[in-house]
PDB file of all heavy atoms in Angstrom:
ATOM      1  N   GLY A   1      49.877  53.964  60.869  1.00  0.00           N
ATOM      2  CA  GLY A   1      49.113  54.198  59.652  1.00  0.00           C
ATOM      3  C   GLY A   1      49.901  54.940  58.599  1.00  0.00           C
ATOM      4  O   GLY A   1      50.893  55.627  58.887  1.00  0.00           O
ATOM      5  N   ARG A   2      49.463  54.820  57.354  1.00  0.00           N
ATOM      6  CA  ARG A   2      50.158  55.472  56.250  1.00  0.00           C
ATOM      7  C   ARG A   2      50.032  56.984  56.316  1.00  0.00           C
ATOM      8  O   ARG A   2      50.961  57.712  55.963  1.00  0.00           O
ATOM      9  CB  ARG A   2      49.595  54.955  54.913  1.00  0.00           C
ATOM     10  CG  ARG A   2      49.899  53.489  54.627  1.00  0.00           C
ATOM     11  CD  ARG A   2      49.381  53.104  53.248  1.00  0.00           C
ATOM     12  NE  ARG A   2      49.722  51.709  52.931  1.00  0.00           N
ATOM     13  CZ  ARG A   2      49.395  51.108  51.795  1.00  0.00           C
ATOM     14  NH1 ARG A   2      48.707  51.794  50.861  1.00  0.00           N
ATOM     15  NH2 ARG A   2      49.731  49.850  51.579  1.00  0.00           N
ATOM     16  N   ILE A   3      48.862  57.454  56.763  1.00  0.00           N
ATOM     17  CA  ILE A   3      48.658  58.906  56.824  1.00  0.00           C
ATOM     18  C   ILE A   3      49.619  59.537  57.824  1.00  0.00           C
ATOM     19  O   ILE A   3      50.262  60.553  57.543  1.00  0.00           O
ATOM     20  CB  ILE A   3      47.195  59.222  57.198  1.00  0.00           C
ATOM     21  CG1 ILE A   3      46.250  58.716  56.103  1.00  0.00           C
ATOM     22  CG2 ILE A   3      47.013  60.720  57.409  1.00  0.00           C
ATOM     23  CD1 ILE A   3      44.786  58.957  56.384  1.00  0.00           C
ATOM     24  N   THR A   4      49.728  58.906  58.991  1.00  0.00           N
ATOM     25  CA  THR A   4      50.634  59.440  60.012  1.00  0.00           C
ATOM     26  C   THR A   4      52.077  59.398  59.537  1.00  0.00           C
ATOM     27  O   THR A   4      52.836  60.355  59.738  1.00  0.00           O
ATOM     28  CB  THR A   4      50.489  58.636  61.315  1.00  0.00           C
ATOM     29  OG1 THR A   4      49.122  58.619  61.712  1.00  0.00           O
ATOM     30  CG2 THR A   4      51.319  59.242  62.422  1.00  0.00           C
ATOM     31  N   THR A   5      52.465  58.295  58.909  1.00  0.00           N
ATOM     32  CA  THR A   5      53.822  58.191  58.377  1.00  0.00           C
ATOM     33  C   THR A   5      54.079  59.233  57.300  1.00  0.00           C
ATOM     34  O   THR A   5      55.162  59.843  57.245  1.00  0.00           O
ATOM     35  CB  THR A   5      54.063  56.786  57.803  1.00  0.00           C
ATOM     36  OG1 THR A   5      53.806  55.808  58.821  1.00  0.00           O
ATOM     37  CG2 THR A   5      55.486  56.628  57.311  1.00  0.00           C
ATOM     38  N   GLY A   6      53.079  59.476  56.447  1.00  0.00           N
ATOM     39  CA  GLY A   6      53.231  60.486  55.402  1.00  0.00           C
ATOM     40  C   GLY A   6      53.356  61.888  55.969  1.00  0.00           C
ATOM     41  O   GLY A   6      54.149  62.694  55.472  1.00  0.00           O
ATOM     42  N   VAL A   7      52.586  62.186  57.025  1.00  0.00           N
ATOM     43  CA  VAL A   7      52.686  63.500  57.672  1.00  0.00           C
ATOM     44  C   VAL A   7      54.070  63.694  58.271  1.00  0.00           C
ATOM     45  O   VAL A   7      54.672  64.764  58.160  1.00  0.00           O
ATOM     46  CB  VAL A   7      51.595  63.640  58.747  1.00  0.00           C
ATOM     47  CG1 VAL A   7      51.831  64.900  59.585  1.00  0.00           C
ATOM     48  CG2 VAL A   7      50.218  63.689  58.110  1.00  0.00           C
ATOM     49  N   PHE A   8      54.606  62.644  58.899  1.00  0.00           N
ATOM     50  CA  PHE A   8      55.929  62.740  59.498  1.00  0.00           C
ATOM     51  C   PHE A   8      56.998  62.953  58.427  1.00  0.00           C
ATOM     52  O   PHE A   8      57.932  63.754  58.608  1.00  0.00           O
ATOM     53  CB  PHE A   8      56.225  61.482  60.301  1.00  0.00           C
ATOM     54  CG  PHE A   8      57.520  61.532  61.065  1.00  0.00           C
ATOM     55  CD1 PHE A   8      57.821  62.609  61.875  1.00  0.00           C
ATOM     56  CD2 PHE A   8      58.444  60.500  60.962  1.00  0.00           C
ATOM     57  CE1 PHE A   8      59.015  62.670  62.578  1.00  0.00           C
ATOM     58  CE2 PHE A   8      59.640  60.547  61.662  1.00  0.00           C
ATOM     59  CZ  PHE A   8      59.925  61.637  62.467  1.00  0.00           C
ATOM     60  N   ARG A   9      56.887  62.256  57.307  1.00  0.00           N
ATOM     61  CA  ARG A   9      57.845  62.449  56.206  1.00  0.00           C
ATOM     62  C   ARG A   9      57.733  63.855  55.640  1.00  0.00           C
ATOM     63  O   ARG A   9      58.736  64.454  55.230  1.00  0.00           O
ATOM     64  CB  ARG A   9      57.596  61.414  55.125  1.00  0.00           C
ATOM     65  CG  ARG A   9      57.982  59.982  55.540  1.00  0.00           C
ATOM     66  CD  ARG A   9      57.653  58.984  54.452  1.00  0.00           C
ATOM     67  NE  ARG A   9      58.072  57.637  54.841  1.00  0.00           N
ATOM     68  CZ  ARG A   9      57.830  56.547  54.118  1.00  0.00           C
ATOM     69  NH1 ARG A   9      57.184  56.658  52.947  1.00  0.00           N
ATOM     70  NH2 ARG A   9      58.234  55.368  54.540  1.00  0.00           N
ATOM     71  N   LEU A  10      56.511  64.380  55.610  1.00  0.00           N
ATOM     72  CA  LEU A  10      56.325  65.752  55.133  1.00  0.00           C
ATOM     73  C   LEU A  10      57.017  66.742  56.058  1.00  0.00           C
ATOM     74  O   LEU A  10      57.629  67.717  55.607  1.00  0.00           O
ATOM     75  CB  LEU A  10      54.836  66.064  55.030  1.00  0.00           C
ATOM     76  CG  LEU A  10      54.455  67.444  54.480  1.00  0.00           C
ATOM     77  CD1 LEU A  10      54.938  67.587  53.040  1.00  0.00           C
ATOM     78  CD2 LEU A  10      52.950  67.651  54.559  1.00  0.00           C
ATOM     79  N   PHE A  11      56.939  66.483  57.361  1.00  0.00           N
ATOM     80  CA  PHE A  11      57.626  67.337  58.321  1.00  0.00           C
ATOM     81  C   PHE A  11      59.132  67.247  58.146  1.00  0.00           C
ATOM     82  O   PHE A  11      59.841  68.251  58.235  1.00  0.00           O
ATOM     83  CB  PHE A  11      57.224  66.941  59.748  1.00  0.00           C
ATOM     84  CG  PHE A  11      56.072  67.736  60.284  1.00  0.00           C
ATOM     85  CD1 PHE A  11      54.777  67.493  59.835  1.00  0.00           C
ATOM     86  CD2 PHE A  11      56.257  68.730  61.220  1.00  0.00           C
ATOM     87  CE1 PHE A  11      53.709  68.217  60.314  1.00  0.00           C
ATOM     88  CE2 PHE A  11      55.203  69.474  61.705  1.00  0.00           C
ATOM     89  CZ  PHE A  11      53.918  69.223  61.251  1.00  0.00           C
ATOM     90  N   LEU A  12      59.638  66.036  57.916  1.00  0.00           N
ATOM     91  CA  LEU A  12      61.077  65.875  57.693  1.00  0.00           C
ATOM     92  C   LEU A  12      61.526  66.601  56.431  1.00  0.00           C
ATOM     93  O   LEU A  12      62.644  67.118  56.372  1.00  0.00           O
ATOM     94  CB  LEU A  12      61.429  64.390  57.603  1.00  0.00           C
ATOM     95  CG  LEU A  12      61.239  63.567  58.889  1.00  0.00           C
ATOM     96  CD1 LEU A  12      61.638  62.120  58.656  1.00  0.00           C
ATOM     97  CD2 LEU A  12      62.030  64.165  60.039  1.00  0.00           C
ATOM     98  N   LEU A  13      60.645  66.643  55.425  1.00  0.00           N
ATOM     99  CA  LEU A  13      60.973  67.378  54.198  1.00  0.00           C
ATOM    100  C   LEU A  13      61.143  68.866  54.494  1.00  0.00           C
ATOM    101  O   LEU A  13      61.957  69.546  53.850  1.00  0.00           O
ATOM    102  CB  LEU A  13      59.876  67.161  53.153  1.00  0.00           C
ATOM    103  CG  LEU A  13      60.062  67.861  51.795  1.00  0.00           C
ATOM    104  CD1 LEU A  13      61.315  67.346  51.100  1.00  0.00           C
ATOM    105  CD2 LEU A  13      58.835  67.646  50.919  1.00  0.00           C
ATOM    106  N   GLY A  14      60.390  69.347  55.486  1.00  0.00           N
ATOM    107  CA  GLY A  14      60.508  70.756  55.853  1.00  0.00           C
ATOM    108  C   GLY A  14      61.868  71.132  56.392  1.00  0.00           C
ATOM    109  O   GLY A  14      62.252  72.307  56.361  1.00  0.00           O
ATOM    110  N   LEU A  15      62.625  70.145  56.886  1.00  0.00           N
ATOM    111  CA  LEU A  15      63.968  70.426  57.385  1.00  0.00           C
ATOM    112  C   LEU A  15      64.921  70.830  56.269  1.00  0.00           C
ATOM    113  O   LEU A  15      65.919  71.507  56.507  1.00  0.00           O
ATOM    114  CB  LEU A  15      64.524  69.195  58.114  1.00  0.00           C
ATOM    115  CG  LEU A  15      63.791  68.754  59.383  1.00  0.00           C
ATOM    116  CD1 LEU A  15      64.380  67.442  59.889  1.00  0.00           C
ATOM    117  CD2 LEU A  15      63.899  69.820  60.462  1.00  0.00           C
ATOM    118  N   ALA A  16      64.629  70.387  55.059  1.00  0.00           N
ATOM    119  CA  ALA A  16      65.532  70.641  53.929  1.00  0.00           C
ATOM    120  C   ALA A  16      65.197  71.925  53.185  1.00  0.00           C
ATOM    121  O   ALA A  16      65.908  72.277  52.236  1.00  0.00           O
ATOM    122  CB  ALA A  16      65.491  69.456  52.964  1.00  0.00           C
ATOM    123  N   ILE A  17      64.145  72.626  53.589  1.00  0.00           N
ATOM    124  CA  ILE A  17      63.725  73.838  52.881  1.00  0.00           C
ATOM    125  C   ILE A  17      64.078  75.056  53.724  1.00  0.00           C
ATOM    126  O   ILE A  17      63.468  75.287  54.771  1.00  0.00           O
ATOM    127  CB  ILE A  17      62.210  73.809  52.597  1.00  0.00           C
ATOM    128  CG1 ILE A  17      61.841  72.566  51.788  1.00  0.00           C
ATOM    129  CG2 ILE A  17      61.787  75.070  51.864  1.00  0.00           C
ATOM    130  CD1 ILE A  17      60.361  72.424  51.538  1.00  0.00           C
ATOM    131  N   PRO A  18      65.057  75.848  53.316  1.00  0.00           N
ATOM    132  CA  PRO A  18      65.398  77.060  54.081  1.00  0.00           C
ATOM    133  C   PRO A  18      64.363  78.155  53.873  1.00  0.00           C
ATOM    134  O   PRO A  18      63.678  78.200  52.842  1.00  0.00           O
ATOM    135  CB  PRO A  18      66.766  77.465  53.514  1.00  0.00           C
ATOM    136  CG  PRO A  18      66.752  76.914  52.119  1.00  0.00           C
ATOM    137  CD  PRO A  18      65.936  75.649  52.160  1.00  0.00           C
ATOM    138  N   ALA A  19      64.248  79.016  54.856  1.00  0.00           N
ATOM    139  CA  ALA A  19      63.264  80.098  54.772  1.00  0.00           C
ATOM    140  C   ALA A  19      63.567  81.033  53.611  1.00  0.00           C
ATOM    141  O   ALA A  19      62.648  81.592  52.990  1.00  0.00           O
ATOM    142  CB  ALA A  19      63.240  80.871  56.089  1.00  0.00           C
ATOM    143  N   GLN A  20      64.853  81.211  53.296  1.00  0.00           N
ATOM    144  CA  GLN A  20      65.225  82.118  52.202  1.00  0.00           C
ATOM    145  C   GLN A  20      64.684  81.650  50.858  1.00  0.00           C
ATOM    146  O   GLN A  20      64.436  82.461  49.965  1.00  0.00           O
ATOM    147  CB  GLN A  20      66.757  82.242  52.114  1.00  0.00           C
ATOM    148  CG  GLN A  20      67.403  82.918  53.305  1.00  0.00           C
ATOM    149  CD  GLN A  20      67.632  81.987  54.476  1.00  0.00           C
ATOM    150  OE1 GLN A  20      67.191  80.842  54.444  1.00  0.00           O
ATOM    151  NE2 GLN A  20      68.323  82.459  55.496  1.00  0.00           N
ATOM    152  N   ALA A  21      64.475  80.333  50.720  1.00  0.00           N
ATOM    153  CA  ALA A  21      64.022  79.791  49.439  1.00  0.00           C
ATOM    154  C   ALA A  21      62.541  80.049  49.192  1.00  0.00           C
ATOM    155  O   ALA A  21      62.095  80.007  48.044  1.00  0.00           O
ATOM    156  CB  ALA A  21      64.311  78.291  49.373  1.00  0.00           C
ATOM    157  N   VAL A  22      61.777  80.311  50.254  1.00  0.00           N
ATOM    158  CA  VAL A  22      60.321  80.469  50.099  1.00  0.00           C
ATOM    159  C   VAL A  22      59.854  81.844  50.560  1.00  0.00           C
ATOM    160  O   VAL A  22      58.655  82.059  50.719  1.00  0.00           O
ATOM    161  CB  VAL A  22      59.571  79.374  50.902  1.00  0.00           C
ATOM    162  CG1 VAL A  22      59.884  77.998  50.347  1.00  0.00           C
ATOM    163  CG2 VAL A  22      59.917  79.447  52.383  1.00  0.00           C
ATOM    164  N   ILE A  23      60.787  82.777  50.757  1.00  0.00           N
ATOM    165  CA  ILE A  23      60.388  84.074  51.297  1.00  0.00           C
ATOM    166  C   ILE A  23      59.518  84.853  50.307  1.00  0.00           C
ATOM    167  O   ILE A  23      58.611  85.592  50.711  1.00  0.00           O
ATOM    168  CB  ILE A  23      61.635  84.892  51.703  1.00  0.00           C
ATOM    169  CG1 ILE A  23      61.222  86.123  52.497  1.00  0.00           C
ATOM    170  CG2 ILE A  23      62.476  85.238  50.497  1.00  0.00           C
ATOM    171  CD1 ILE A  23      60.490  85.821  53.768  1.00  0.00           C
ATOM    172  N   VAL A  24      59.765  84.694  48.998  1.00  0.00           N
ATOM    173  CA  VAL A  24      58.949  85.417  48.005  1.00  0.00           C
ATOM    174  C   VAL A  24      57.516  84.891  47.977  1.00  0.00           C
ATOM    175  O   VAL A  24      56.563  85.677  48.101  1.00  0.00           O
ATOM    176  CB  VAL A  24      59.601  85.353  46.613  1.00  0.00           C
ATOM    177  CG1 VAL A  24      58.676  85.977  45.568  1.00  0.00           C
ATOM    178  CG2 VAL A  24      60.940  86.075  46.625  1.00  0.00           C
ATOM    179  N   PRO A  25      57.283  83.578  47.811  1.00  0.00           N
ATOM    180  CA  PRO A  25      55.893  83.108  47.897  1.00  0.00           C
ATOM    181  C   PRO A  25      55.277  83.346  49.272  1.00  0.00           C
ATOM    182  O   PRO A  25      54.064  83.557  49.378  1.00  0.00           O
ATOM    183  CB  PRO A  25      55.998  81.610  47.583  1.00  0.00           C
ATOM    184  CG  PRO A  25      57.419  81.254  47.755  1.00  0.00           C
ATOM    185  CD  PRO A  25      58.199  82.487  47.437  1.00  0.00           C
ATOM    186  N   MET A  26      56.095  83.305  50.331  1.00  0.00           N
ATOM    187  CA  MET A  26      55.577  83.596  51.666  1.00  0.00           C
ATOM    188  C   MET A  26      55.071  85.037  51.742  1.00  0.00           C
ATOM    189  O   MET A  26      54.015  85.310  52.316  1.00  0.00           O
ATOM    190  CB  MET A  26      56.662  83.356  52.715  1.00  0.00           C
ATOM    191  CG  MET A  26      56.205  83.550  54.151  1.00  0.00           C
ATOM    192  SD  MET A  26      55.047  82.282  54.684  1.00  0.00           S
ATOM    193  CE  MET A  26      56.143  80.855  54.668  1.00  0.00           C
ATOM    194  N   PHE A  27      55.822  85.954  51.158  1.00  0.00           N
ATOM    195  CA  PHE A  27      55.389  87.356  51.116  1.00  0.00           C
ATOM    196  C   PHE A  27      54.076  87.500  50.354  1.00  0.00           C
ATOM    197  O   PHE A  27      53.173  88.244  50.778  1.00  0.00           O
ATOM    198  CB  PHE A  27      56.476  88.203  50.462  1.00  0.00           C
ATOM    199  CG  PHE A  27      56.076  89.626  50.207  1.00  0.00           C
ATOM    200  CD1 PHE A  27      56.106  90.556  51.231  1.00  0.00           C
ATOM    201  CD2 PHE A  27      55.666  90.028  48.943  1.00  0.00           C
ATOM    202  CE1 PHE A  27      55.729  91.878  50.999  1.00  0.00           C
ATOM    203  CE2 PHE A  27      55.281  91.337  48.708  1.00  0.00           C
ATOM    204  CZ  PHE A  27      55.314  92.267  49.733  1.00  0.00           C
ATOM    205  N   TYR A  28      53.945  86.759  49.264  1.00  0.00           N
ATOM    206  CA  TYR A  28      52.712  86.828  48.461  1.00  0.00           C
ATOM    207  C   TYR A  28      51.517  86.294  49.252  1.00  0.00           C
ATOM    208  O   TYR A  28      50.442  86.911  49.267  1.00  0.00           O
ATOM    209  CB  TYR A  28      52.899  86.017  47.171  1.00  0.00           C
ATOM    210  CG  TYR A  28      51.682  85.992  46.281  1.00  0.00           C
ATOM    211  CD1 TYR A  28      51.385  87.069  45.447  1.00  0.00           C
ATOM    212  CD2 TYR A  28      50.834  84.885  46.268  1.00  0.00           C
ATOM    213  CE1 TYR A  28      50.263  87.049  44.632  1.00  0.00           C
ATOM    214  CE2 TYR A  28      49.712  84.852  45.457  1.00  0.00           C
ATOM    215  CZ  TYR A  28      49.435  85.934  44.641  1.00  0.00           C
ATOM    216  OH  TYR A  28      48.323  85.911  43.852  1.00  0.00           O
ATOM    217  N   VAL A  29      51.696  85.159  49.910  1.00  0.00           N
ATOM    218  CA  VAL A  29      50.599  84.550  50.672  1.00  0.00           C
ATOM    219  C   VAL A  29      50.191  85.443  51.842  1.00  0.00           C
ATOM    220  O   VAL A  29      48.997  85.669  52.087  1.00  0.00           O
ATOM    221  CB  VAL A  29      51.019  83.145  51.175  1.00  0.00           C
ATOM    222  CG1 VAL A  29      49.991  82.599  52.165  1.00  0.00           C
ATOM    223  CG2 VAL A  29      51.190  82.194  50.005  1.00  0.00           C
ATOM    224  N   ILE A  30      51.177  85.954  52.573  1.00  0.00           N
ATOM    225  CA  ILE A  30      50.873  86.813  53.722  1.00  0.00           C
ATOM    226  C   ILE A  30      50.170  88.090  53.268  1.00  0.00           C
ATOM    227  O   ILE A  30      49.230  88.566  53.924  1.00  0.00           O
ATOM    228  CB  ILE A  30      52.168  87.148  54.493  1.00  0.00           C
ATOM    229  CG1 ILE A  30      52.727  85.889  55.161  1.00  0.00           C
ATOM    230  CG2 ILE A  30      51.913  88.221  55.536  1.00  0.00           C
ATOM    231  CD1 ILE A  30      51.837  85.288  56.222  1.00  0.00           C
ATOM    232  N   SER A  31      50.598  88.650  52.141  1.00  0.00           N
ATOM    233  CA  SER A  31      49.959  89.866  51.628  1.00  0.00           C
ATOM    234  C   SER A  31      48.522  89.602  51.202  1.00  0.00           C
ATOM    235  O   SER A  31      47.615  90.394  51.506  1.00  0.00           O
ATOM    236  CB  SER A  31      50.772  90.428  50.462  1.00  0.00           C
ATOM    237  OG  SER A  31      52.083  90.767  50.861  1.00  0.00           O
ATOM    238  N   LYS A  32      48.284  88.487  50.494  1.00  0.00           N
ATOM    239  CA  LYS A  32      46.931  88.156  50.052  1.00  0.00           C
ATOM    240  C   LYS A  32      46.009  87.833  51.221  1.00  0.00           C
ATOM    241  O   LYS A  32      44.799  88.073  51.152  1.00  0.00           O
ATOM    242  CB  LYS A  32      46.975  86.970  49.090  1.00  0.00           C
ATOM    243  CG  LYS A  32      47.550  87.287  47.724  1.00  0.00           C
ATOM    244  CD  LYS A  32      46.697  88.334  47.005  1.00  0.00           C
ATOM    245  CE  LYS A  32      47.236  88.632  45.612  1.00  0.00           C
ATOM    246  NZ  LYS A  32      46.403  89.656  44.898  1.00  0.00           N
ATOM    247  N   ALA A  33      46.592  87.330  52.309  1.00  0.00           N
ATOM    248  CA  ALA A  33      45.794  87.011  53.498  1.00  0.00           C
ATOM    249  C   ALA A  33      45.509  88.240  54.354  1.00  0.00           C
ATOM    250  O   ALA A  33      44.791  88.146  55.353  1.00  0.00           O
ATOM    251  CB  ALA A  33      46.504  85.952  54.337  1.00  0.00           C
ATOM    252  N   GLY A  34      46.062  89.393  53.972  1.00  0.00           N
ATOM    253  CA  GLY A  34      45.836  90.617  54.721  1.00  0.00           C
ATOM    254  C   GLY A  34      46.605  90.688  56.022  1.00  0.00           C
ATOM    255  O   GLY A  34      46.218  91.432  56.931  1.00  0.00           O
ATOM    256  N   LEU A  35      47.706  89.937  56.108  1.00  0.00           N
ATOM    257  CA  LEU A  35      48.496  89.893  57.339  1.00  0.00           C
ATOM    258  C   LEU A  35      49.828  90.612  57.209  1.00  0.00           C
ATOM    259  O   LEU A  35      50.658  90.523  58.114  1.00  0.00           O
ATOM    260  CB  LEU A  35      48.755  88.429  57.736  1.00  0.00           C
ATOM    261  CG  LEU A  35      47.511  87.597  58.041  1.00  0.00           C
ATOM    262  CD1 LEU A  35      47.895  86.155  58.358  1.00  0.00           C
ATOM    263  CD2 LEU A  35      46.724  88.203  59.201  1.00  0.00           C
ATOM    264  N   TYR A  36      50.027  91.340  56.091  1.00  0.00           N
ATOM    265  CA  TYR A  36      51.285  92.070  55.938  1.00  0.00           C
ATOM    266  C   TYR A  36      51.345  93.217  56.940  1.00  0.00           C
ATOM    267  O   TYR A  36      50.350  93.881  57.219  1.00  0.00           O
ATOM    268  CB  TYR A  36      51.412  92.616  54.516  1.00  0.00           C
ATOM    269  CG  TYR A  36      52.674  93.424  54.298  1.00  0.00           C
ATOM    270  CD1 TYR A  36      53.905  92.792  54.185  1.00  0.00           C
ATOM    271  CD2 TYR A  36      52.631  94.823  54.245  1.00  0.00           C
ATOM    272  CE1 TYR A  36      55.071  93.524  53.997  1.00  0.00           C
ATOM    273  CE2 TYR A  36      53.789  95.557  54.052  1.00  0.00           C
ATOM    274  CZ  TYR A  36      55.007  94.905  53.940  1.00  0.00           C
ATOM    275  OH  TYR A  36      56.150  95.628  53.770  1.00  0.00           O
ATOM    276  N   ASP A  37      52.530  93.439  57.495  1.00  0.00           N
ATOM    277  CA  ASP A  37      52.763  94.474  58.503  1.00  0.00           C
ATOM    278  C   ASP A  37      51.913  94.227  59.746  1.00  0.00           C
ATOM    279  O   ASP A  37      51.383  95.158  60.361  1.00  0.00           O
ATOM    280  CB  ASP A  37      52.488  95.870  57.932  1.00  0.00           C
ATOM    281  CG  ASP A  37      53.188  96.957  58.730  1.00  0.00           C
ATOM    282  OD1 ASP A  37      54.162  96.644  59.432  1.00  0.00           O
ATOM    283  OD2 ASP A  37      52.738  98.117  58.662  1.00  0.00           O
ATOM    284  N   ASN A  38      51.807  92.953  60.097  1.00  0.00           N
ATOM    285  CA  ASN A  38      51.040  92.536  61.270  1.00  0.00           C
ATOM    286  C   ASN A  38      51.845  91.482  62.013  1.00  0.00           C
ATOM    287  O   ASN A  38      52.528  90.658  61.387  1.00  0.00           O
ATOM    288  CB  ASN A  38      49.676  91.976  60.821  1.00  0.00           C
ATOM    289  CG  ASN A  38      48.730  91.797  61.978  1.00  0.00           C
ATOM    290  OD1 ASN A  38      49.021  91.077  62.929  1.00  0.00           O
ATOM    291  ND2 ASN A  38      47.574  92.444  61.902  1.00  0.00           N
ATOM    292  N   LEU A  39      51.756  91.486  63.335  1.00  0.00           N
ATOM    293  CA  LEU A  39      52.521  90.515  64.108  1.00  0.00           C
ATOM    294  C   LEU A  39      52.099  89.078  63.804  1.00  0.00           C
ATOM    295  O   LEU A  39      52.913  88.161  63.872  1.00  0.00           O
ATOM    296  CB  LEU A  39      52.370  90.794  65.607  1.00  0.00           C
ATOM    297  CG  LEU A  39      53.020  92.083  66.131  1.00  0.00           C
ATOM    298  CD1 LEU A  39      52.819  92.199  67.638  1.00  0.00           C
ATOM    299  CD2 LEU A  39      54.493  92.138  65.781  1.00  0.00           C
ATOM    300  N   ILE A  40      50.839  88.882  63.449  1.00  0.00           N
ATOM    301  CA  ILE A  40      50.378  87.534  63.098  1.00  0.00           C
ATOM    302  C   ILE A  40      51.105  87.034  61.858  1.00  0.00           C
ATOM    303  O   ILE A  40      51.399  85.833  61.728  1.00  0.00           O
ATOM    304  CB  ILE A  40      48.858  87.519  62.884  1.00  0.00           C
ATOM    305  CG1 ILE A  40      48.138  87.958  64.155  1.00  0.00           C
ATOM    306  CG2 ILE A  40      48.373  86.137  62.462  1.00  0.00           C
ATOM    307  CD1 ILE A  40      46.635  88.026  64.023  1.00  0.00           C
ATOM    308  N   GLY A  41      51.422  87.945  60.945  1.00  0.00           N
ATOM    309  CA  GLY A  41      52.166  87.570  59.749  1.00  0.00           C
ATOM    310  C   GLY A  41      53.585  87.127  60.053  1.00  0.00           C
ATOM    311  O   GLY A  41      54.213  86.454  59.225  1.00  0.00           O
TER     312      GLY A  41
END
């Protein structure tokens, strides 16, 4: 199906994104979710 193929391509896109490139928005999301300074974060 197209949905499954699209999900797989989305996962492959994740291989090209280093963690350093998204650490700032990641910090913002984790802070807004109340998970900062928590092991779940």
